[in-house]
Amino acid sequence: MGPYLAEHGYDVVGLDTVYYGEECTFVPGGDPIPIILKDIRDLNVEDLKGFDSVIHLAALSNDPLSSFKADLTYDINHHASVHLAQLAKEAGVSRFLFSSSCSMHGTSSAEKVNESTPVRPITPYGISKIRSETDIAAMAGVGFTPVYLRNGTVYGVSPRLRVDIVLNNLVGWATTTGKVKLYTDGTPWRPVVHVEDVCQAFMVALEAPTEAVHNQVFHVGSNKENYQIKTLAEIVCSVVPSAEIEYVTDHEGDPRTYIADFSKIEEILPQFKTQWTVQKGAEQLYNVYKQVNLTLDEFTGSRFIRLKRIGELLEAGALNDDLRWERAP
C-alpha cells in the first residue's frame, strides 16, 4: 500500500510496530517510505497532526493469529482501532479508511452477501472488525469521513508476503512439494482479490467525493472472482507443472463459506476496476516463487507465516505477553 500510493504521487508516512521487519521481506518494495515506529495502542494526537488521511491496516491479521490471543485481538483490532479514529478526528484528519474484511460473513447460506447482509463472524478477527466498524461509524460527521473497505481474501506477490492466505498458500504447496494441499473438502466459497487491486480500491476511496463514500461500507473485489476452494486448487494445478490436489483429512479446516456481491463498489466507485484474475495471480505467484527459489523450509517457516513469526518473537523474549516489544525491533 505504501509504495503503491507513493508511486501515484502521495506523500506517505508509515506507522508500525514492525513485527514483520526486514527479515520477513520477500521481494524489494520500491523506495523506502518514512515510518513512525509505534504500537497502535500507544499513539497520541500529535502522531496524527498534519495528515489529510489515515489508512488503517494494522491488526492481528488473520483468524488463527487472532484466536491465538483473543483478548489482545480485541485490544488491538477493536479498541485501538476506535482510539485511532478518535485521535484522527481530533487531529483534523478528514478521511479515515478502515481496512475491514468480508470474512465477518463467516458461514453464510445466502446466495450472495452484500454490505447490508447481517454479518455472522465466527472468529475474534471477524468480530473485532464489525465492532470497529460500528463504533467508528458513530464518529462520522462534518470534516471526518470514515470509509470501511471489506476486502475479499487477498492474494498476490508483495514485499512482505504472507503464505497463510489461500491462493498464496496453494501455489506455495504446489511449487515446493508438487501437491496442492486442501484442509477442507474444497466446497467452501471465497471471494478473492489481488493485493494490487486492493491498493487501487483504497486510492479510489481516498479520491472519491465525500458524498459518495461518507460512512459507507464497500466490499472490495469483483463479482467474477468468487471461487470454491477446489476450483482455486484446480487453477493452481493448471499453472504448476505436474501438481496434483491432496486432501488433508486429519485437520479441522476452515468452516467459512460465503459468496460476496461487489455491485456496490462497481456502481458507486466506477473508477475502481480490478486488473487481476486468479489465473493471472497464480501465474505471478508461481513465477516469482521459482525466481526466488522458494524452499519448503522457507514456505513453512516463520518468515511468511504471521502466527509462527509472533510465536518465534515470544519464545525469544523479544515480545512480552502483551505483544509489546521487550527490546527495540
Protein backbone atom coordinates (compact mmCIF):
# COMPACT_ATOMS: atom_id res chain seq x y z
CA MET A 1 0.00 0.00 0.00
CA GLY A 2 2.72 2.48 0.97
CA PRO A 3 4.88 2.09 -2.15
CA TYR A 4 1.76 1.95 -4.35
CA LEU A 5 0.48 5.30 -3.08
CA ALA A 6 3.94 6.87 -3.21
CA GLU A 7 4.23 5.81 -6.86
CA HIS A 8 0.93 7.60 -7.52
CA GLY A 9 2.15 10.89 -6.08
CA TYR A 10 1.06 10.69 -2.46
CA ASP A 11 3.24 11.86 0.44
CA VAL A 12 3.19 8.68 2.53
CA VAL A 13 4.31 8.00 6.10
CA GLY A 14 4.00 4.56 7.63
CA LEU A 15 3.24 3.74 11.24
CA ASP A 16 4.01 0.26 12.51
CA THR A 17 5.33 -1.68 15.47
CA VAL A 18 7.16 -3.89 12.91
CA TYR A 19 6.59 -7.46 13.98
CA TYR A 20 7.41 -8.37 10.38
CA GLY A 21 10.58 -6.46 9.52
CA GLU A 22 13.38 -6.79 7.00
CA GLU A 23 13.90 -10.44 7.91
CA CYS A 24 10.37 -11.11 6.60
CA THR A 25 10.94 -9.34 3.27
CA PHE A 26 10.12 -11.47 0.24
CA VAL A 27 10.89 -9.11 -2.65
CA PRO A 28 12.00 -5.45 -2.81
CA GLY A 29 9.19 -2.95 -2.38
CA GLY A 30 10.44 0.17 -4.13
CA ASP A 31 11.87 3.21 -2.39
CA PRO A 32 11.57 3.10 1.40
CA ILE A 33 8.96 5.35 2.98
CA PRO A 34 9.38 7.19 6.30
CA ILE A 35 7.98 5.30 9.27
CA ILE A 36 6.85 6.10 12.79
CA LEU A 37 7.88 3.18 15.00
CA LYS A 38 4.99 2.83 17.43
CA ASP A 39 2.45 0.32 18.62
CA ILE A 40 -1.04 1.39 17.54
CA ARG A 41 -2.12 1.11 21.19
CA ASP A 42 0.38 3.80 22.23
CA LEU A 43 -0.48 6.65 19.86
CA ASN A 44 -1.28 10.23 20.76
CA VAL A 45 -2.88 13.04 18.79
CA GLU A 46 0.50 14.59 17.93
CA ASP A 47 1.36 11.48 15.88
CA LEU A 48 -1.52 12.27 13.51
CA LYS A 49 -1.40 16.04 13.19
CA GLY A 50 -0.69 17.35 9.71
CA PHE A 51 -2.11 14.36 7.84
CA ASP A 52 -5.07 14.63 5.47
CA SER A 53 -5.96 10.95 5.54
CA VAL A 54 -5.31 7.81 7.55
CA ILE A 55 -5.40 4.33 6.03
CA HIS A 56 -5.78 1.93 8.92
CA LEU A 57 -4.38 -1.51 8.06
CA ALA A 58 -2.88 -2.53 11.42
CA ALA A 59 -4.30 -5.66 13.07
CA LEU A 60 -3.52 -9.15 14.22
CA SER A 61 -4.07 -10.12 10.69
CA ASN A 62 -5.85 -13.43 10.28
CA ASP A 63 -8.14 -15.87 12.00
CA PRO A 64 -5.60 -18.33 13.50
CA LEU A 65 -3.47 -15.47 14.83
CA SER A 66 -6.47 -13.63 16.24
CA SER A 67 -7.66 -16.77 18.02
CA PHE A 68 -4.16 -17.30 19.45
CA LYS A 69 -4.64 -14.43 21.90
CA ALA A 70 -8.28 -13.41 21.57
CA ASP A 71 -8.14 -10.75 24.30
CA LEU A 72 -5.29 -9.00 22.50
CA THR A 73 -7.18 -9.24 19.22
CA TYR A 74 -9.98 -7.18 20.76
CA ASP A 75 -7.43 -4.83 22.35
CA ILE A 76 -5.55 -4.21 19.10
CA ASN A 77 -8.10 -4.80 16.34
CA HIS A 78 -11.09 -3.20 18.07
CA HIS A 79 -10.23 -0.85 20.95
CA ALA A 80 -7.03 0.52 19.41
CA SER A 81 -8.79 0.99 16.07
CA VAL A 82 -11.55 3.05 17.65
CA HIS A 83 -8.97 5.06 19.61
CA LEU A 84 -7.02 5.70 16.40
CA ALA A 85 -10.17 7.06 14.75
CA GLN A 86 -10.84 9.30 17.75
CA LEU A 87 -7.28 10.67 17.58
CA ALA A 88 -7.53 11.15 13.82
CA LYS A 89 -10.72 13.16 14.16
CA GLU A 90 -9.19 15.27 16.94
CA ALA A 91 -6.06 15.86 14.82
CA GLY A 92 -8.10 17.16 11.88
CA VAL A 93 -7.74 14.14 9.61
CA SER A 94 -10.57 14.41 7.10
CA ARG A 95 -10.71 10.87 5.67
CA PHE A 96 -10.27 7.63 7.59
CA LEU A 97 -10.10 4.41 5.57
CA PHE A 98 -10.59 1.28 7.65
CA SER A 99 -9.32 -1.99 6.22
CA SER A 100 -12.11 -4.39 7.10
CA SER A 101 -12.90 -7.87 5.83
CA CYS A 102 -15.55 -9.91 4.05
CA SER A 103 -14.66 -12.72 6.46
CA MET A 104 -17.08 -11.24 9.00
CA HIS A 105 -19.78 -13.04 7.00
CA GLY A 106 -18.46 -16.30 8.42
CA THR A 107 -20.55 -19.20 7.15
CA SER A 108 -23.44 -17.92 5.07
CA SER A 109 -26.16 -19.88 3.29
CA ALA A 110 -27.28 -16.77 1.40
CA GLU A 111 -26.91 -16.83 -2.36
CA LYS A 112 -24.71 -13.75 -2.05
CA VAL A 113 -23.74 -11.48 0.82
CA ASN A 114 -23.64 -7.72 0.31
CA GLU A 115 -22.86 -4.74 2.50
CA SER A 116 -26.30 -4.79 4.15
CA THR A 117 -26.44 -8.55 4.79
CA PRO A 118 -26.43 -9.27 8.55
CA VAL A 119 -22.93 -10.44 9.49
CA ARG A 120 -22.16 -13.68 11.33
CA PRO A 121 -18.49 -13.54 12.34
CA ILE A 122 -17.20 -16.79 13.82
CA THR A 123 -13.71 -15.72 14.92
CA PRO A 124 -12.28 -12.97 17.15
CA TYR A 125 -10.82 -11.40 13.99
CA GLY A 126 -14.22 -11.09 12.28
CA ILE A 127 -15.93 -9.95 15.49
CA SER A 128 -13.28 -7.26 16.06
CA LYS A 129 -13.78 -5.89 12.55
CA ILE A 130 -17.54 -5.45 12.81
CA ARG A 131 -17.26 -3.94 16.30
CA SER A 132 -14.74 -1.43 14.95
CA GLU A 133 -16.95 -0.50 12.01
CA THR A 134 -19.90 0.05 14.34
CA ASP A 135 -18.03 2.22 16.84
CA ILE A 136 -16.16 4.27 14.25
CA ALA A 137 -19.39 4.93 12.35
CA ALA A 138 -20.70 6.81 15.39
CA MET A 139 -17.88 9.37 14.96
CA ALA A 140 -18.70 10.30 11.36
CA GLY A 141 -19.60 13.92 10.85
CA VAL A 142 -18.68 17.15 9.10
CA GLY A 143 -14.94 17.14 8.48
CA PHE A 144 -14.47 13.46 9.34
CA THR A 145 -15.35 10.82 6.76
CA PRO A 146 -14.73 7.18 7.70
CA VAL A 147 -14.95 4.55 4.94
CA TYR A 148 -14.95 0.77 5.54
CA LEU A 149 -13.39 -1.40 2.85
CA ARG A 150 -14.20 -5.06 3.37
CA ASN A 151 -11.57 -6.84 1.33
CA GLY A 152 -12.07 -10.29 -0.11
CA THR A 153 -9.35 -12.86 0.61
CA VAL A 154 -6.20 -11.17 -0.65
CA TYR A 155 -3.52 -12.88 -2.74
CA GLY A 156 -0.54 -11.93 -4.88
CA VAL A 157 3.13 -11.04 -4.68
CA SER A 158 4.00 -8.27 -2.24
CA PRO A 159 7.17 -7.11 -0.46
CA ARG A 160 6.16 -8.69 2.88
CA LEU A 161 4.50 -11.81 1.52
CA ARG A 162 2.06 -13.86 3.59
CA VAL A 163 1.63 -17.53 2.71
CA ASP A 164 -1.11 -18.12 5.30
CA ILE A 165 -3.82 -16.93 2.88
CA VAL A 166 -5.49 -19.24 0.45
CA LEU A 167 -4.09 -18.72 -3.07
CA ASN A 168 -0.58 -17.80 -1.90
CA ASN A 169 -0.72 -20.96 0.19
CA LEU A 170 -1.99 -23.30 -2.52
CA VAL A 171 0.60 -22.10 -5.05
CA GLY A 172 3.32 -22.40 -2.38
CA TRP A 173 2.46 -26.03 -1.62
CA ALA A 174 2.35 -26.84 -5.33
CA THR A 175 5.69 -25.15 -6.01
CA THR A 176 7.58 -26.68 -3.08
CA THR A 177 6.02 -30.18 -2.91
CA GLY A 178 4.07 -30.80 -6.11
CA LYS A 179 0.91 -31.16 -4.02
CA VAL A 180 -1.92 -28.65 -3.68
CA LYS A 181 -2.97 -29.28 -0.09
CA LEU A 182 -6.61 -28.75 0.86
CA TYR A 183 -7.66 -28.85 4.50
CA THR A 184 -11.39 -28.94 3.65
CA ASP A 185 -13.41 -30.91 1.14
CA GLY A 186 -12.89 -27.99 -1.26
CA THR A 187 -16.55 -26.92 -1.39
CA PRO A 188 -16.37 -23.65 0.67
CA TRP A 189 -16.65 -20.44 -1.32
CA ARG A 190 -14.31 -17.44 -1.07
CA PRO A 191 -14.16 -14.07 -2.81
CA VAL A 192 -10.53 -13.42 -3.73
CA VAL A 193 -8.78 -10.20 -4.74
CA HIS A 194 -5.23 -9.30 -5.72
CA VAL A 195 -3.26 -7.10 -3.34
CA GLU A 196 -2.67 -4.52 -6.09
CA ASP A 197 -6.41 -4.28 -6.74
CA VAL A 198 -6.91 -3.69 -3.01
CA CYS A 199 -4.37 -0.84 -3.19
CA GLN A 200 -6.24 0.63 -6.14
CA ALA A 201 -9.56 0.45 -4.26
CA PHE A 202 -8.13 2.36 -1.31
CA MET A 203 -6.69 5.03 -3.59
CA VAL A 204 -10.06 5.42 -5.35
CA ALA A 205 -11.74 5.75 -1.93
CA LEU A 206 -9.22 8.44 -0.97
CA GLU A 207 -10.01 10.45 -4.08
CA ALA A 208 -13.78 9.96 -4.28
CA PRO A 209 -16.16 12.84 -3.46
CA THR A 210 -17.13 12.88 0.20
CA GLU A 211 -20.82 12.39 -0.56
CA ALA A 212 -20.04 9.13 -2.40
CA VAL A 213 -18.15 7.43 0.42
CA HIS A 214 -19.05 9.16 3.70
CA ASN A 215 -19.53 6.47 6.39
CA GLN A 216 -20.05 3.84 3.69
CA VAL A 217 -19.14 0.14 3.61
CA PHE A 218 -17.74 -1.36 0.40
CA HIS A 219 -16.90 -4.93 -0.45
CA VAL A 220 -13.59 -4.89 -2.34
CA GLY A 221 -13.27 -7.36 -5.18
CA SER A 222 -15.04 -8.48 -8.35
CA ASN A 223 -18.25 -10.42 -8.93
CA LYS A 224 -16.25 -12.59 -11.34
CA GLU A 225 -13.81 -13.64 -8.62
CA ASN A 226 -15.83 -15.80 -6.21
CA TYR A 227 -14.49 -19.35 -6.21
CA GLN A 228 -14.88 -22.66 -4.44
CA ILE A 229 -11.58 -23.71 -2.84
CA LYS A 230 -11.40 -26.81 -5.05
CA THR A 231 -11.67 -24.59 -8.16
CA LEU A 232 -8.77 -22.48 -6.90
CA ALA A 233 -6.81 -25.70 -6.43
CA GLU A 234 -7.63 -26.83 -9.97
CA ILE A 235 -6.42 -23.50 -11.37
CA VAL A 236 -3.17 -23.86 -9.41
CA CYS A 237 -2.73 -27.37 -10.85
CA SER A 238 -3.13 -25.93 -14.34
CA VAL A 239 -0.33 -23.42 -13.63
CA VAL A 240 2.22 -25.52 -11.72
CA PRO A 241 3.53 -28.40 -13.87
CA SER A 242 2.64 -31.89 -12.57
CA ALA A 243 0.95 -30.53 -9.43
CA GLU A 244 -1.97 -32.54 -8.05
CA ILE A 245 -4.55 -31.98 -5.31
CA GLU A 246 -4.09 -33.67 -1.93
CA TYR A 247 -6.91 -33.64 0.62
CA VAL A 248 -5.66 -33.50 4.22
CA THR A 249 -8.27 -35.17 6.42
CA ASP A 250 -6.57 -35.03 9.83
CA HIS A 251 -7.14 -31.31 10.17
CA GLU A 252 -10.04 -29.23 11.43
CA GLY A 253 -10.07 -26.96 8.38
CA ASP A 254 -11.73 -23.59 7.93
CA PRO A 255 -15.56 -23.67 8.00
CA ARG A 256 -16.11 -20.21 6.48
CA THR A 257 -18.01 -20.11 3.21
CA TYR A 258 -19.71 -17.16 1.52
CA ILE A 259 -20.14 -15.57 -1.91
CA ALA A 260 -19.67 -11.80 -1.87
CA ASP A 261 -21.52 -9.28 -4.00
CA PHE A 262 -19.34 -6.41 -5.28
CA SER A 263 -22.04 -4.49 -7.14
CA LYS A 264 -21.93 -1.51 -4.77
CA ILE A 265 -18.29 -0.60 -5.35
CA GLU A 266 -18.74 -1.13 -9.10
CA GLU A 267 -21.71 1.25 -9.13
CA ILE A 268 -20.60 3.98 -6.70
CA LEU A 269 -16.85 3.94 -7.43
CA PRO A 270 -16.71 3.06 -11.14
CA GLN A 271 -13.08 4.25 -11.31
CA PHE A 272 -12.20 1.05 -9.45
CA LYS A 273 -11.65 -1.73 -11.95
CA THR A 274 -9.89 -4.93 -10.93
CA GLN A 275 -6.87 -5.77 -13.09
CA TRP A 276 -6.20 -9.30 -11.84
CA THR A 277 -7.79 -12.75 -12.11
CA VAL A 278 -6.94 -15.87 -10.12
CA GLN A 279 -5.36 -17.43 -13.21
CA LYS A 280 -3.09 -14.43 -13.71
CA GLY A 281 -2.33 -14.20 -9.99
CA ALA A 282 -1.44 -17.89 -9.69
CA GLU A 283 0.94 -17.50 -12.63
CA GLN A 284 2.54 -14.45 -10.97
CA LEU A 285 3.00 -16.29 -7.67
CA TYR A 286 4.43 -19.41 -9.30
CA ASN A 287 6.87 -17.44 -11.45
CA VAL A 288 8.17 -15.40 -8.51
CA TYR A 289 8.33 -18.41 -6.16
CA LYS A 290 10.53 -20.10 -8.78
CA GLN A 291 12.65 -16.97 -9.33
CA VAL A 292 13.50 -16.68 -5.63
CA ASN A 293 13.87 -20.48 -5.34
CA LEU A 294 11.34 -20.72 -2.51
CA THR A 295 12.08 -23.83 -0.44
CA LEU A 296 9.70 -25.91 1.66
CA ASP A 297 11.53 -24.84 4.83
CA GLU A 298 11.06 -21.17 3.95
CA PHE A 299 7.45 -21.70 2.90
CA THR A 300 6.52 -23.44 6.16
CA GLY A 301 8.76 -21.32 8.42
CA SER A 302 8.22 -18.07 10.29
CA ARG A 303 9.26 -15.58 7.58
CA PHE A 304 5.93 -15.64 5.77
CA ILE A 305 3.50 -17.09 8.35
CA ARG A 306 2.25 -14.49 10.82
CA LEU A 307 1.34 -16.83 13.68
CA LYS A 308 4.74 -18.56 13.57
CA ARG A 309 6.55 -15.23 13.49
CA ILE A 310 4.73 -13.97 16.60
CA GLY A 311 5.42 -17.28 18.36
CA GLU A 312 9.11 -17.02 17.48
CA LEU A 313 9.36 -13.49 18.88
CA LEU A 314 7.57 -14.53 22.08
CA GLU A 315 9.82 -17.54 22.55
CA ALA A 316 12.92 -15.41 22.06
CA GLY A 317 11.70 -12.92 24.68
CA ALA A 318 11.60 -10.11 22.11
CA LEU A 319 7.87 -9.60 22.78
CA ASN A 320 6.14 -9.77 26.13
CA ASP A 321 2.79 -11.47 26.73
CA ASP A 322 1.08 -8.18 25.80
CA LEU A 323 2.74 -8.36 22.36
CA ARG A 324 4.76 -5.25 23.10
CA TRP A 325 8.48 -5.14 22.46
CA GLU A 326 10.77 -6.06 25.33
CA ARG A 327 13.64 -4.76 23.21
CA ALA A 328 13.68 -2.45 20.22
CA PRO A 329 12.72 -4.09 16.88
